[in-house]
């Protein structure tokens, strides 16, 4: 494919990139993942150092990937590390050698030897899951084939559970001994002290600075978007909410014919059970994302109390649900057992080209749902 050029995205590419990302993904429910009006805003909340690349043919953008960097805690210490995301290939080129061309470019020009890149691949992403399965098989049967094709090695680190929590059910709250309220500017110093004490205990937790909320990395966030839990005037928990619809949209594109036929009945049941309905096509899904989840000693009851407060504030609001994600091994997963929810799984990988294993010492990973 000699006529295809891979290079860093330019501001003039914004419209083409946004259009490429709108192309729906196949499935029983076909969704489009929009990043209007500015793809660089979305790239800036994923990574502190943006490295967004496009593939061009005849001045048309036919592919996209991001390998930007963000500071996370790795084995307890802050480390600037790459995050591989936003892989997009135009449908006309999905059966071509474009993916191989991308991976060769990344190997030759971006990823250093012994460098690990982190990513998450959800089970619905058939293109990537099939490719990883082929690489695994080739690694057993014919490893030189992998090297000739320049395909990287995907090392499984954990299973990621993404929860959609319905906001339509009235909940009975148990009394809490904690004071839970929204954060204020006067809390920033105490928030940072608590964060610095707790965040490093989870592998890949983002390294945050609450004094920089005006920075592009925190686009659209204010101090009042954080909930704090206090015990005896000391912070014991932090959790934030993030409405990202102004720069990131999930749009229902279409349903398969069988699902389209039963949709009216599903929606009737959803009204009765206060569960999830199937929205009209073309509709932007109304949800916010829960992020910056920290509790003293990873305490489940503290997190549950904060979530109940967030739920109370947003019950039957403009939002239909909220999104939250954890490593499957994280004890905080269990607090959603009595919520009306949907659950989607993905795999957390470290990716490299030298076929060595990640030496992580902490089995409990944290992947920020708001920055996927």
Protein backbone atom coordinates (compact mmCIF):
# COMPACT_ATOMS: atom_id res chain seq x y z
CA UNK A 1 0.00 0.00 0.00
CA UNK A 2 2.66 2.55 -1.08
CA UNK A 3 0.14 5.34 -1.69
CA UNK A 4 -0.86 5.54 1.98
CA UNK A 5 0.92 8.04 4.23
CA UNK A 6 0.90 7.90 8.05
CA UNK A 7 1.65 11.14 9.88
CA UNK A 8 0.65 13.20 12.90
CA UNK A 9 -2.84 14.66 12.73
CA UNK A 10 -3.13 18.36 11.98
CA UNK A 11 -5.85 20.79 13.12
CA UNK A 12 -7.06 20.80 9.52
CA UNK A 13 -7.80 17.05 9.86
CA UNK A 14 -10.36 17.62 12.61
CA UNK A 15 -13.49 17.37 10.45
CA UNK A 16 -12.28 14.23 8.66
CA UNK A 17 -11.33 12.55 11.94
CA UNK A 18 -14.71 13.36 13.50
CA UNK A 19 -16.47 11.91 10.44
CA UNK A 20 -14.36 8.74 10.59
CA UNK A 21 -15.23 8.24 14.27
CA UNK A 22 -18.94 8.60 13.48
CA UNK A 23 -18.90 5.49 11.31
CA UNK A 24 -20.99 3.02 13.34
CA UNK A 25 -19.66 -0.18 14.84
CA UNK A 26 -21.49 -3.36 13.92
CA UNK A 27 -23.54 -5.29 16.48
CA UNK A 28 -27.10 -6.00 17.58
CA UNK A 29 -27.13 -2.34 18.58
CA UNK A 30 -25.01 -0.32 16.16
CA UNK A 31 -23.38 2.61 17.94
CA UNK A 32 -21.43 5.61 16.72
CA UNK A 33 -18.79 7.10 19.00
CA UNK A 34 -18.72 10.79 18.14
CA UNK A 35 -16.01 13.23 19.23
CA UNK A 36 -17.54 16.46 17.90
CA UNK A 37 -16.77 19.29 17.63
CA UNK A 38 -13.01 18.89 18.20
CA UNK A 39 -11.17 15.57 18.15
CA UNK A 40 -8.17 17.17 19.87
CA UNK A 41 -10.26 17.95 22.96
CA UNK A 42 -11.04 14.24 23.33
CA UNK A 43 -7.37 13.37 22.71
CA UNK A 44 -6.41 15.90 25.39
CA UNK A 45 -8.53 14.28 28.09
CA UNK A 46 -7.10 10.86 27.20
CA UNK A 47 -3.49 11.95 27.35
CA UNK A 48 -1.40 14.81 28.69
CA UNK A 49 0.90 14.52 25.67
CA UNK A 50 -1.19 14.11 22.52
CA UNK A 51 0.16 11.88 19.75
CA UNK A 52 -2.70 11.39 17.30
CA UNK A 53 -1.84 9.88 13.90
CA UNK A 54 -3.85 9.65 10.68
CA UNK A 55 -3.51 7.44 7.62
CA UNK A 56 -4.07 9.30 4.35
CA UNK A 57 -4.80 8.17 0.83
CA UNK A 58 -5.31 10.84 -1.83
CA UNK A 59 -5.72 13.45 0.93
CA UNK A 60 -8.54 11.44 2.54
CA UNK A 61 -8.27 10.22 6.14
CA UNK A 62 -8.84 6.45 6.08
CA UNK A 63 -7.32 5.46 9.43
CA UNK A 64 -6.57 6.79 12.90
CA UNK A 65 -4.75 5.79 16.08
CA UNK A 66 -3.53 7.46 19.26
CA UNK A 67 -0.36 6.64 21.20
CA UNK A 68 -0.22 9.62 23.52
CA UNK A 69 1.29 9.70 27.00
CA UNK A 70 -0.13 10.22 30.47
CA UNK A 71 1.38 9.99 33.93
CA UNK A 72 0.14 6.99 35.90
CA UNK A 73 1.33 5.14 38.99
CA UNK A 74 3.45 2.17 37.96
CA UNK A 75 4.64 -0.04 40.82
CA UNK A 76 3.82 2.79 43.20
CA UNK A 77 5.68 5.59 41.40
CA UNK A 78 4.51 8.15 38.81
CA UNK A 79 5.58 7.25 35.28
CA UNK A 80 4.83 8.85 31.92
CA UNK A 81 3.51 6.01 29.77
CA UNK A 82 1.80 5.56 26.42
CA UNK A 83 -1.85 4.65 26.03
CA UNK A 84 -2.91 2.98 22.76
CA UNK A 85 -6.45 3.95 21.76
CA UNK A 86 -8.84 5.27 19.11
CA UNK A 87 -7.86 2.74 16.47
CA UNK A 88 -10.16 3.41 13.51
CA UNK A 89 -10.02 2.02 9.98
CA UNK A 90 -12.49 3.06 7.31
CA UNK A 91 -14.73 0.08 6.37
CA UNK A 92 -13.37 0.10 2.80
CA UNK A 93 -9.90 -0.72 4.16
CA UNK A 94 -10.69 -3.12 7.01
CA UNK A 95 -9.82 -6.18 4.92
CA UNK A 96 -6.64 -4.60 3.57
CA UNK A 97 -3.09 -4.52 4.92
CA UNK A 98 -3.62 -1.12 6.54
CA UNK A 99 -3.53 -2.51 10.09
CA UNK A 100 -0.17 -4.17 9.39
CA UNK A 101 1.10 -0.90 7.92
CA UNK A 102 0.03 0.91 11.10
CA UNK A 103 1.75 -1.56 13.41
CA UNK A 104 4.96 -1.43 11.38
CA UNK A 105 4.91 2.36 11.58
CA UNK A 106 4.41 2.25 15.36
CA UNK A 107 7.26 -0.23 15.79
CA UNK A 108 9.72 1.72 13.64
CA UNK A 109 8.86 5.24 14.69
CA UNK A 110 7.15 5.34 18.09
CA UNK A 111 7.58 2.50 20.58
CA UNK A 112 11.08 1.93 21.93
CA UNK A 113 12.51 -1.47 22.72
CA UNK A 114 11.39 -2.72 26.15
CA UNK A 115 8.64 -0.08 26.24
CA UNK A 116 5.15 -1.15 27.26
CA UNK A 117 2.03 0.52 25.92
CA UNK A 118 -1.29 0.02 27.71
CA UNK A 119 -4.70 -0.48 26.21
CA UNK A 120 -8.13 -1.95 26.79
CA UNK A 121 -10.09 -4.01 24.27
CA UNK A 122 -13.80 -4.61 24.86
CA UNK A 123 -15.40 -7.89 23.90
CA UNK A 124 -17.62 -6.17 21.28
CA UNK A 125 -14.55 -5.01 19.34
CA UNK A 126 -14.40 -7.99 17.00
CA UNK A 127 -11.68 -6.52 14.79
CA UNK A 128 -9.21 -6.28 17.66
CA UNK A 129 -10.23 -9.43 19.54
CA UNK A 130 -9.87 -11.48 16.33
CA UNK A 131 -6.47 -9.94 15.60
CA UNK A 132 -5.18 -10.65 19.12
CA UNK A 133 -6.41 -14.24 18.86
CA UNK A 134 -4.55 -14.67 15.56
CA UNK A 135 -1.37 -13.24 17.07
CA UNK A 136 -1.67 -15.65 20.02
CA UNK A 137 -2.06 -18.63 17.68
CA UNK A 138 0.79 -17.47 15.47
CA UNK A 139 2.98 -17.07 18.53
CA UNK A 140 2.54 -20.78 19.25
CA UNK A 141 2.69 -22.13 15.71
CA UNK A 142 4.92 -19.72 13.83
CA UNK A 143 6.48 -16.91 15.84
CA UNK A 144 8.64 -15.57 12.96
CA UNK A 145 5.39 -14.77 11.13
CA UNK A 146 4.53 -12.29 13.88
CA UNK A 147 7.90 -10.60 13.58
CA UNK A 148 7.69 -10.36 9.79
CA UNK A 149 4.24 -8.81 10.08
CA UNK A 150 5.44 -6.44 12.84
CA UNK A 151 2.46 -7.30 14.98
CA UNK A 152 2.94 -6.54 18.69
CA UNK A 153 2.55 -8.94 21.59
CA UNK A 154 -0.55 -8.48 23.76
CA UNK A 155 0.05 -9.51 27.37
CA UNK A 156 -3.19 -9.96 29.33
CA UNK A 157 -3.10 -8.06 32.61
CA UNK A 158 -6.68 -8.27 33.80
CA UNK A 159 -10.40 -8.18 33.03
CA UNK A 160 -12.18 -4.83 33.05
CA UNK A 161 -15.82 -4.59 34.15
CA UNK A 162 -17.74 -1.60 32.83
CA UNK A 163 -21.06 -0.96 34.57
CA UNK A 164 -24.03 1.03 33.28
CA UNK A 165 -26.09 1.93 36.35
CA UNK A 166 -29.73 2.94 35.77
CA UNK A 167 -30.86 6.16 37.46
CA UNK A 168 -34.58 5.39 37.23
CA UNK A 169 -35.13 3.36 40.40
CA UNK A 170 -35.98 4.97 43.72
CA UNK A 171 -33.52 3.72 46.33
CA UNK A 172 -33.84 3.38 50.09
CA UNK A 173 -30.66 4.66 51.67
CA UNK A 174 -29.16 3.38 54.87
CA UNK A 175 -27.95 5.96 57.33
CA UNK A 176 -24.27 6.75 57.09
CA UNK A 177 -21.89 8.03 59.75
CA UNK A 178 -19.97 9.92 57.08
CA UNK A 179 -20.42 13.49 55.93
CA UNK A 180 -20.68 13.48 52.15
CA UNK A 181 -20.75 16.70 50.16
CA UNK A 182 -19.47 18.27 46.95
CA UNK A 183 -15.93 19.61 46.99
CA UNK A 184 -15.06 23.30 47.20
CA UNK A 185 -11.90 25.23 46.35
CA UNK A 186 -10.87 25.26 50.00
CA UNK A 187 -10.73 21.43 49.89
CA UNK A 188 -8.09 21.17 47.15
CA UNK A 189 -5.08 20.90 49.45
CA UNK A 190 -6.72 18.21 51.60
CA UNK A 191 -7.91 16.35 48.47
CA UNK A 192 -4.38 16.30 47.10
CA UNK A 193 -2.95 15.05 50.39
CA UNK A 194 -5.48 12.19 50.50
CA UNK A 195 -4.93 11.40 46.82
CA UNK A 196 -1.15 11.23 47.21
CA UNK A 197 -1.58 8.82 50.12
CA UNK A 198 -3.97 6.40 48.39
CA UNK A 199 -3.72 6.53 44.57
CA UNK A 200 -0.32 4.86 44.22
CA UNK A 201 -1.69 1.66 45.75
CA UNK A 202 -3.45 0.74 42.49
CA UNK A 203 -1.51 -0.06 39.34
CA UNK A 204 -1.96 2.49 36.50
CA UNK A 205 -3.96 4.94 38.61
CA UNK A 206 -3.68 8.37 36.89
CA UNK A 207 -1.50 10.89 38.69
CA UNK A 208 -3.75 13.91 39.24
CA UNK A 209 -3.13 17.48 40.37
CA UNK A 210 -6.36 19.08 41.59
CA UNK A 211 -4.87 22.57 41.30
CA UNK A 212 -4.85 22.14 37.49
CA UNK A 213 -8.57 21.64 36.87
CA UNK A 214 -8.50 24.42 34.25
CA UNK A 215 -5.98 22.39 32.24
CA UNK A 216 -7.11 20.64 29.01
CA UNK A 217 -6.54 17.24 30.66
CA UNK A 218 -9.53 18.04 32.93
CA UNK A 219 -11.65 19.70 30.23
CA UNK A 220 -15.19 20.40 31.44
CA UNK A 221 -14.48 19.50 35.07
CA UNK A 222 -14.97 21.82 38.03
CA UNK A 223 -14.20 21.34 41.69
CA UNK A 224 -17.90 20.85 42.46
CA UNK A 225 -17.92 17.76 40.20
CA UNK A 226 -16.08 15.90 42.97
CA UNK A 227 -17.83 14.30 45.95
CA UNK A 228 -15.95 14.00 49.23
CA UNK A 229 -16.57 11.68 52.19
CA UNK A 230 -15.45 12.90 55.62
CA UNK A 231 -14.99 11.08 58.89
CA UNK A 232 -14.12 13.25 61.88
CA UNK A 233 -13.25 16.14 59.54
CA UNK A 234 -10.79 13.99 57.57
CA UNK A 235 -11.30 13.04 53.92
CA UNK A 236 -11.75 9.28 53.59
CA UNK A 237 -13.11 9.13 50.05
CA UNK A 238 -13.18 10.96 46.70
CA UNK A 239 -15.30 10.27 43.63
CA UNK A 240 -15.94 12.53 40.65
CA UNK A 241 -18.63 12.73 37.98
CA UNK A 242 -17.99 13.89 34.41
CA UNK A 243 -20.57 14.85 31.80
CA UNK A 244 -18.59 14.51 28.56
CA UNK A 245 -21.38 15.00 26.03
CA UNK A 246 -19.97 18.34 24.86
CA UNK A 247 -16.95 16.57 23.34
CA UNK A 248 -17.79 12.86 23.32
CA UNK A 249 -21.10 11.36 22.18
CA UNK A 250 -22.45 7.82 22.05
CA UNK A 251 -25.16 7.69 19.37
CA UNK A 252 -27.60 4.87 18.59
CA UNK A 253 -27.27 4.27 14.86
CA UNK A 254 -29.45 1.21 14.20
CA UNK A 255 -30.79 -2.10 15.51
CA UNK A 256 -30.77 -5.53 13.89
CA UNK A 257 -34.14 -6.49 12.45
CA UNK A 258 -35.06 -8.96 15.27
CA UNK A 259 -34.19 -6.38 17.93
CA UNK A 260 -36.07 -3.68 16.06
CA UNK A 261 -39.21 -5.84 16.08
CA UNK A 262 -39.11 -6.52 19.84
CA UNK A 263 -37.97 -3.01 20.80
CA UNK A 264 -41.52 -1.77 21.67
CA UNK A 265 -42.01 -4.69 24.10
CA UNK A 266 -38.57 -4.18 25.65
CA UNK A 267 -39.37 -0.52 26.23
CA UNK A 268 -42.72 -1.37 27.85
CA UNK A 269 -40.94 -3.71 30.26
CA UNK A 270 -38.30 -1.05 30.93
CA UNK A 271 -41.02 1.34 32.11
CA UNK A 272 -42.36 -1.30 34.48
CA UNK A 273 -39.01 -2.47 35.84
CA UNK A 274 -37.28 0.96 35.72
CA UNK A 275 -34.53 -0.66 33.70
CA UNK A 276 -32.89 0.16 30.38
CA UNK A 277 -34.90 0.95 27.28
CA UNK A 278 -33.82 0.95 23.62
CA UNK A 279 -33.66 4.60 22.50
CA UNK A 280 -34.71 5.95 19.12
CA UNK A 281 -32.06 5.79 16.41
CA UNK A 282 -30.06 8.97 16.08
CA UNK A 283 -30.36 9.68 19.80
CA UNK A 284 -27.34 10.67 21.89
CA UNK A 285 -27.22 8.57 25.06
CA UNK A 286 -27.48 10.69 28.20
CA UNK A 287 -25.06 9.49 30.83
CA UNK A 288 -22.17 10.72 32.93
CA UNK A 289 -19.01 8.89 33.94
CA UNK A 290 -17.83 8.23 37.48
CA UNK A 291 -14.08 8.76 37.88
CA UNK A 292 -11.26 9.47 40.36
CA UNK A 293 -12.52 6.72 42.65
CA UNK A 294 -10.52 6.53 45.88
CA UNK A 295 -11.42 5.45 49.40
CA UNK A 296 -9.28 4.96 52.48
CA UNK A 297 -7.98 1.40 52.37
CA UNK A 298 -10.17 0.75 49.28
CA UNK A 299 -13.14 0.60 51.64
CA UNK A 300 -16.35 -0.58 49.95
CA UNK A 301 -18.78 1.01 52.41
CA UNK A 302 -17.28 4.46 51.91
CA UNK A 303 -17.58 4.14 48.13
CA UNK A 304 -21.13 2.82 48.45
CA UNK A 305 -22.13 5.85 50.54
CA UNK A 306 -20.63 8.25 47.99
CA UNK A 307 -22.38 6.48 45.10
CA UNK A 308 -25.70 6.65 46.95
CA UNK A 309 -25.25 10.42 47.29
CA UNK A 310 -24.43 10.76 43.59
CA UNK A 311 -27.45 8.61 42.78
CA UNK A 312 -29.73 10.74 44.94
CA UNK A 313 -28.57 13.94 43.24
CA UNK A 314 -29.18 12.53 39.75
CA UNK A 315 -32.23 10.30 40.26
CA UNK A 316 -34.72 10.78 37.40
CA UNK A 317 -32.66 13.66 36.03
CA UNK A 318 -31.73 14.31 32.39
CA UNK A 319 -29.29 11.39 32.73
CA UNK A 320 -30.59 7.88 32.13
CA UNK A 321 -27.59 6.16 33.71
CA UNK A 322 -24.00 6.58 34.77
CA UNK A 323 -20.92 4.64 33.71
CA UNK A 324 -18.30 3.20 36.05
CA UNK A 325 -15.50 0.68 35.56
CA UNK A 326 -13.12 -1.48 37.62
CA UNK A 327 -10.64 -4.28 37.39
CA UNK A 328 -12.60 -7.48 38.02
CA UNK A 329 -10.41 -8.16 41.07
CA UNK A 330 -11.22 -4.81 42.69
CA UNK A 331 -13.37 -5.25 45.81
CA UNK A 332 -15.29 -2.06 44.93
CA UNK A 333 -17.08 -3.95 42.12
CA UNK A 334 -19.38 -5.59 44.66
CA UNK A 335 -21.14 -2.37 45.67
CA UNK A 336 -23.23 -2.48 42.49
CA UNK A 337 -24.78 -5.87 43.29
CA UNK A 338 -28.16 -4.38 44.26
CA UNK A 339 -28.32 -1.73 41.49
CA UNK A 340 -30.16 -2.09 38.18
CA UNK A 341 -27.26 -2.38 35.77
CA UNK A 342 -25.80 -3.66 32.57
CA UNK A 343 -22.27 -5.00 32.46
CA UNK A 344 -19.72 -5.11 29.64
CA UNK A 345 -16.32 -6.78 29.89
CA UNK A 346 -13.00 -6.02 28.25
CA UNK A 347 -9.41 -7.14 28.55
CA UNK A 348 -6.60 -4.96 29.91
CA UNK A 349 -3.34 -5.48 28.01
CA UNK A 350 0.23 -4.33 28.06
CA UNK A 351 1.48 -4.20 24.48
CA UNK A 352 5.08 -4.45 23.31
CA UNK A 353 7.19 -5.51 20.35
CA UNK A 354 9.96 -7.35 22.17
CA UNK A 355 7.78 -10.20 23.50
CA UNK A 356 8.74 -9.75 27.15
CA UNK A 357 6.34 -9.82 30.06
CA UNK A 358 5.23 -6.83 32.08
CA UNK A 359 6.84 -6.88 35.54
CA UNK A 360 3.93 -5.30 37.41
CA UNK A 361 4.03 -6.04 41.12
CA UNK A 362 0.42 -5.01 41.85
CA UNK A 363 -2.43 -7.28 40.67
CA UNK A 364 -5.17 -4.65 41.20
CA UNK A 365 -5.31 -2.37 38.15
CA UNK A 366 -7.24 0.85 37.79
CA UNK A 367 -8.36 2.04 34.37
CA UNK A 368 -10.03 5.46 34.39
CA UNK A 369 -13.38 5.00 32.62
CA UNK A 370 -13.55 8.68 31.69
CA UNK A 371 -10.24 8.46 29.80
CA UNK A 372 -10.76 5.31 27.70
